[in-house]
């Protein structure tokens, strides 16, 4: 899958995707979710709260 095609399917700019792939951009969870959805993947975030 090409970058332009992935970006189009995810509804983001090619420039945004290009920067993310090179570690130069900042990705919101919303953008990551869009990309992962197109790729058929999911993200899981576990938050551990410290015990006081």
PDB file of N, CA and C in Angstrom:
ATOM      1  N   UNK A   1       0.854  -1.166   0.000  1.00  0.00           N
ATOM      2  CA  UNK A   1       0.000   0.000   0.000  1.00  0.00           C
ATOM      3  C   UNK A   1       0.905   1.235   0.000  1.00  0.00           C
ATOM      4  N   UNK A   2       0.603   2.178  -0.854  1.00  0.00           N
ATOM      5  CA  UNK A   2       1.421   3.387  -0.942  1.00  0.00           C
ATOM      6  C   UNK A   2       1.037   4.379   0.153  1.00  0.00           C
ATOM      7  N   UNK A   3       1.951   5.290   0.451  1.00  0.00           N
ATOM      8  CA  UNK A   3       1.661   6.343   1.431  1.00  0.00           C
ATOM      9  C   UNK A   3       0.467   7.192   1.008  1.00  0.00           C
ATOM     10  N   UNK A   4       0.411   7.643  -0.237  1.00  0.00           N
ATOM     11  CA  UNK A   4      -0.744   8.450  -0.633  1.00  0.00           C
ATOM     12  C   UNK A   4      -2.071   7.704  -0.488  1.00  0.00           C
ATOM     13  N   UNK A   5      -2.072   6.415  -0.812  1.00  0.00           N
ATOM     14  CA  UNK A   5      -3.308   5.639  -0.719  1.00  0.00           C
ATOM     15  C   UNK A   5      -3.718   5.446   0.743  1.00  0.00           C
ATOM     16  N   UNK A   6      -2.769   5.117   1.602  1.00  0.00           N
ATOM     17  CA  UNK A   6      -3.046   4.962   3.031  1.00  0.00           C
ATOM     18  C   UNK A   6      -3.553   6.272   3.618  1.00  0.00           C
ATOM     19  N   UNK A   7      -2.892   7.360   3.278  1.00  0.00           N
ATOM     20  CA  UNK A   7      -3.316   8.670   3.781  1.00  0.00           C
ATOM     21  C   UNK A   7      -4.738   8.996   3.326  1.00  0.00           C
ATOM     22  N   UNK A   8      -5.032   8.705   2.077  1.00  0.00           N
ATOM     23  CA  UNK A   8      -6.376   8.971   1.547  1.00  0.00           C
ATOM     24  C   UNK A   8      -7.429   8.154   2.291  1.00  0.00           C
ATOM     25  N   UNK A   9      -7.170   6.870   2.469  1.00  0.00           N
ATOM     26  CA  UNK A   9      -8.123   6.006   3.160  1.00  0.00           C
ATOM     27  C   UNK A   9      -8.305   6.410   4.622  1.00  0.00           C
ATOM     28  N   UNK A  10      -7.231   6.891   5.243  1.00  0.00           N
ATOM     29  CA  UNK A  10      -7.290   7.287   6.650  1.00  0.00           C
ATOM     30  C   UNK A  10      -7.831   8.702   6.830  1.00  0.00           C
ATOM     31  N   UNK A  11      -7.908   9.454   5.745  1.00  0.00           N
ATOM     32  CA  UNK A  11      -8.405  10.822   5.840  1.00  0.00           C
ATOM     33  C   UNK A  11      -7.408  11.787   6.453  1.00  0.00           C
ATOM     34  N   UNK A  12      -6.123  11.526   6.207  1.00  0.00           N
ATOM     35  CA  UNK A  12      -5.069  12.417   6.696  1.00  0.00           C
ATOM     36  C   UNK A  12      -4.203  12.830   5.513  1.00  0.00           C
ATOM     37  N   UNK A  13      -3.359  13.826   5.723  1.00  0.00           N
ATOM     38  CA  UNK A  13      -2.503  14.278   4.629  1.00  0.00           C
ATOM     39  C   UNK A  13      -1.303  13.342   4.470  1.00  0.00           C
ATOM     40  N   UNK A  14      -0.797  13.280   3.263  1.00  0.00           N
ATOM     41  CA  UNK A  14       0.399  12.476   2.992  1.00  0.00           C
ATOM     42  C   UNK A  14       1.566  13.016   3.809  1.00  0.00           C
ATOM     43  N   UNK A  15       1.649  14.321   3.949  1.00  0.00           N
ATOM     44  CA  UNK A  15       2.721  14.944   4.719  1.00  0.00           C
ATOM     45  C   UNK A  15       2.680  14.493   6.179  1.00  0.00           C
ATOM     46  N   UNK A  16       1.490  14.409   6.750  1.00  0.00           N
ATOM     47  CA  UNK A  16       1.346  13.944   8.133  1.00  0.00           C
ATOM     48  C   UNK A  16       1.848  12.518   8.264  1.00  0.00           C
ATOM     49  N   UNK A  17       1.440  11.661   7.356  1.00  0.00           N
ATOM     50  CA  UNK A  17       1.869  10.266   7.384  1.00  0.00           C
ATOM     51  C   UNK A  17       3.379  10.157   7.193  1.00  0.00           C
ATOM     52  N   UNK A  18       3.919  10.913   6.265  1.00  0.00           N
ATOM     53  CA  UNK A  18       5.359  10.917   5.995  1.00  0.00           C
ATOM     54  C   UNK A  18       6.141  11.282   7.262  1.00  0.00           C
ATOM     55  N   UNK A  19       5.704  12.338   7.949  1.00  0.00           N
ATOM     56  CA  UNK A  19       6.392  12.774   9.171  1.00  0.00           C
ATOM     57  C   UNK A  19       6.298  11.723  10.271  1.00  0.00           C
ATOM     58  N   UNK A  20       5.129  11.113  10.420  1.00  0.00           N
ATOM     59  CA  UNK A  20       4.961  10.090  11.452  1.00  0.00           C
ATOM     60  C   UNK A  20       5.870   8.900  11.210  1.00  0.00           C
ATOM     61  N   UNK A  21       5.995   8.489   9.966  1.00  0.00           N
ATOM     62  CA  UNK A  21       6.846   7.345   9.641  1.00  0.00           C
ATOM     63  C   UNK A  21       8.312   7.628   9.928  1.00  0.00           C
ATOM     64  N   UNK A  22       8.690   8.868   9.942  1.00  0.00           N
ATOM     65  CA  UNK A  22      10.078   9.247  10.194  1.00  0.00           C
ATOM     66  C   UNK A  22      10.313   9.777  11.599  1.00  0.00           C
ATOM     67  N   UNK A  23       9.286   9.683  12.444  1.00  0.00           N
ATOM     68  CA  UNK A  23       9.422  10.118  13.830  1.00  0.00           C
ATOM     69  C   UNK A  23       9.527  11.616  13.989  1.00  0.00           C
ATOM     70  N   UNK A  24       9.053  12.370  13.001  1.00  0.00           N
ATOM     71  CA  UNK A  24       9.169  13.824  13.040  1.00  0.00           C
ATOM     72  C   UNK A  24       7.857  14.512  13.402  1.00  0.00           C
ATOM     73  N   UNK A  25       6.769  13.803  13.357  1.00  0.00           N
ATOM     74  CA  UNK A  25       5.468  14.411  13.616  1.00  0.00           C
ATOM     75  C   UNK A  25       4.934  14.010  14.972  1.00  0.00           C
ATOM     76  N   UNK A  26       3.888  14.695  15.370  1.00  0.00           N
ATOM     77  CA  UNK A  26       3.198  14.365  16.608  1.00  0.00           C
ATOM     78  C   UNK A  26       1.842  13.791  16.234  1.00  0.00           C
ATOM     79  N   UNK A  27       1.573  12.602  16.713  1.00  0.00           N
ATOM     80  CA  UNK A  27       0.323  11.935  16.355  1.00  0.00           C
ATOM     81  C   UNK A  27      -0.651  11.971  17.519  1.00  0.00           C
ATOM     82  N   UNK A  28      -1.845  12.411  17.236  1.00  0.00           N
ATOM     83  CA  UNK A  28      -2.901  12.307  18.235  1.00  0.00           C
ATOM     84  C   UNK A  28      -3.425  10.877  18.204  1.00  0.00           C
ATOM     85  N   UNK A  29      -4.114  10.497  19.249  1.00  0.00           N
ATOM     86  CA  UNK A  29      -4.712   9.161  19.258  1.00  0.00           C
ATOM     87  C   UNK A  29      -5.721   9.022  18.134  1.00  0.00           C
ATOM     88  N   UNK A  30      -6.382  10.109  17.791  1.00  0.00           N
ATOM     89  CA  UNK A  30      -7.361  10.100  16.709  1.00  0.00           C
ATOM     90  C   UNK A  30      -6.700   9.739  15.375  1.00  0.00           C
ATOM     91  N   UNK A  31      -5.564  10.346  15.090  1.00  0.00           N
ATOM     92  CA  UNK A  31      -4.848  10.059  13.841  1.00  0.00           C
ATOM     93  C   UNK A  31      -4.330   8.624  13.839  1.00  0.00           C
ATOM     94  N   UNK A  32      -3.763   8.194  14.955  1.00  0.00           N
ATOM     95  CA  UNK A  32      -3.275   6.814  15.033  1.00  0.00           C
ATOM     96  C   UNK A  32      -4.409   5.819  14.833  1.00  0.00           C
ATOM     97  N   UNK A  33      -5.564   6.110  15.423  1.00  0.00           N
ATOM     98  CA  UNK A  33      -6.716   5.226  15.275  1.00  0.00           C
ATOM     99  C   UNK A  33      -7.162   5.132  13.817  1.00  0.00           C
ATOM    100  N   UNK A  34      -7.134   6.244  13.101  1.00  0.00           N
ATOM    101  CA  UNK A  34      -7.521   6.244  11.687  1.00  0.00           C
ATOM    102  C   UNK A  34      -6.579   5.373  10.859  1.00  0.00           C
ATOM    103  N   UNK A  35      -5.292   5.520  11.096  1.00  0.00           N
ATOM    104  CA  UNK A  35      -4.298   4.742  10.350  1.00  0.00           C
ATOM    105  C   UNK A  35      -4.432   3.257  10.672  1.00  0.00           C
ATOM    106  N   UNK A  36      -4.523   2.943  11.952  1.00  0.00           N
ATOM    107  CA  UNK A  36      -4.625   1.548  12.362  1.00  0.00           C
ATOM    108  C   UNK A  36      -5.908   0.902  11.857  1.00  0.00           C
ATOM    109  N   UNK A  37      -6.991   1.667  11.814  1.00  0.00           N
ATOM    110  CA  UNK A  37      -8.260   1.143  11.307  1.00  0.00           C
ATOM    111  C   UNK A  37      -8.118   0.716   9.850  1.00  0.00           C
ATOM    112  N   UNK A  38      -7.465   1.547   9.050  1.00  0.00           N
ATOM    113  CA  UNK A  38      -7.248   1.211   7.640  1.00  0.00           C
ATOM    114  C   UNK A  38      -6.394  -0.056   7.519  1.00  0.00           C
ATOM    115  N   UNK A  39      -5.439  -0.214   8.414  1.00  0.00           N
ATOM    116  CA  UNK A  39      -4.544  -1.370   8.371  1.00  0.00           C
ATOM    117  C   UNK A  39      -5.135  -2.603   9.051  1.00  0.00           C
ATOM    118  N   UNK A  40      -6.345  -2.461   9.610  1.00  0.00           N
ATOM    119  CA  UNK A  40      -6.989  -3.589  10.279  1.00  0.00           C
ATOM    120  C   UNK A  40      -6.374  -3.914  11.621  1.00  0.00           C
ATOM    121  N   UNK A  41      -5.845  -2.900  12.290  1.00  0.00           N
ATOM    122  CA  UNK A  41      -5.182  -3.091  13.570  1.00  0.00           C
ATOM    123  C   UNK A  41      -5.881  -2.273  14.644  1.00  0.00           C
ATOM    124  N   UNK A  42      -5.552  -2.565  15.901  1.00  0.00           N
ATOM    125  CA  UNK A  42      -6.081  -1.823  17.032  1.00  0.00           C
ATOM    126  C   UNK A  42      -4.933  -1.406  17.930  1.00  0.00           C
ATOM    127  N   UNK A  43      -5.194  -0.409  18.757  1.00  0.00           N
ATOM    128  CA  UNK A  43      -4.219   0.022  19.747  1.00  0.00           C
ATOM    129  C   UNK A  43      -4.831  -0.180  21.125  1.00  0.00           C
ATOM    130  N   UNK A  44      -3.999  -0.612  22.058  1.00  0.00           N
ATOM    131  CA  UNK A  44      -4.460  -0.800  23.430  1.00  0.00           C
ATOM    132  C   UNK A  44      -3.535  -0.014  24.336  1.00  0.00           C
ATOM    133  N   UNK A  45      -4.127   0.780  25.193  1.00  0.00           N
ATOM    134  CA  UNK A  45      -3.345   1.578  26.131  1.00  0.00           C
ATOM    135  C   UNK A  45      -3.764   1.198  27.537  1.00  0.00           C
ATOM    136  N   UNK A  46      -2.819   0.782  28.338  1.00  0.00           N
ATOM    137  CA  UNK A  46      -3.077   0.449  29.735  1.00  0.00           C
ATOM    138  C   UNK A  46      -2.498   1.553  30.605  1.00  0.00           C
ATOM    139  N   UNK A  47      -3.321   2.073  31.492  1.00  0.00           N
ATOM    140  CA  UNK A  47      -2.878   3.127  32.399  1.00  0.00           C
ATOM    141  C   UNK A  47      -2.816   2.539  33.798  1.00  0.00           C
ATOM    142  N   UNK A  48      -1.648   2.591  34.378  1.00  0.00           N
ATOM    143  CA  UNK A  48      -1.465   2.105  35.743  1.00  0.00           C
ATOM    144  C   UNK A  48      -1.404   3.290  36.680  1.00  0.00           C
ATOM    145  N   UNK A  49      -2.316   3.318  37.632  1.00  0.00           N
ATOM    146  CA  UNK A  49      -2.323   4.395  38.617  1.00  0.00           C
ATOM    147  C   UNK A  49      -1.487   3.952  39.814  1.00  0.00           C
ATOM    148  N   UNK A  50      -0.613   4.826  40.281  1.00  0.00           N
ATOM    149  CA  UNK A  50       0.189   4.462  41.451  1.00  0.00           C
ATOM    150  C   UNK A  50      -0.688   4.356  42.702  1.00  0.00           C
ATOM    151  N   UNK A  51      -0.356   3.414  43.546  1.00  0.00           N
ATOM    152  CA  UNK A  51      -1.073   3.246  44.809  1.00  0.00           C
ATOM    153  C   UNK A  51      -0.455   4.183  45.827  1.00  0.00           C
ATOM    154  N   UNK A  52      -1.312   4.976  46.471  1.00  0.00           N
ATOM    155  CA  UNK A  52      -0.812   5.955  47.456  1.00  0.00           C
ATOM    156  C   UNK A  52      -1.023   5.432  48.846  1.00  0.00           C
TER     157      UNK A  52
END
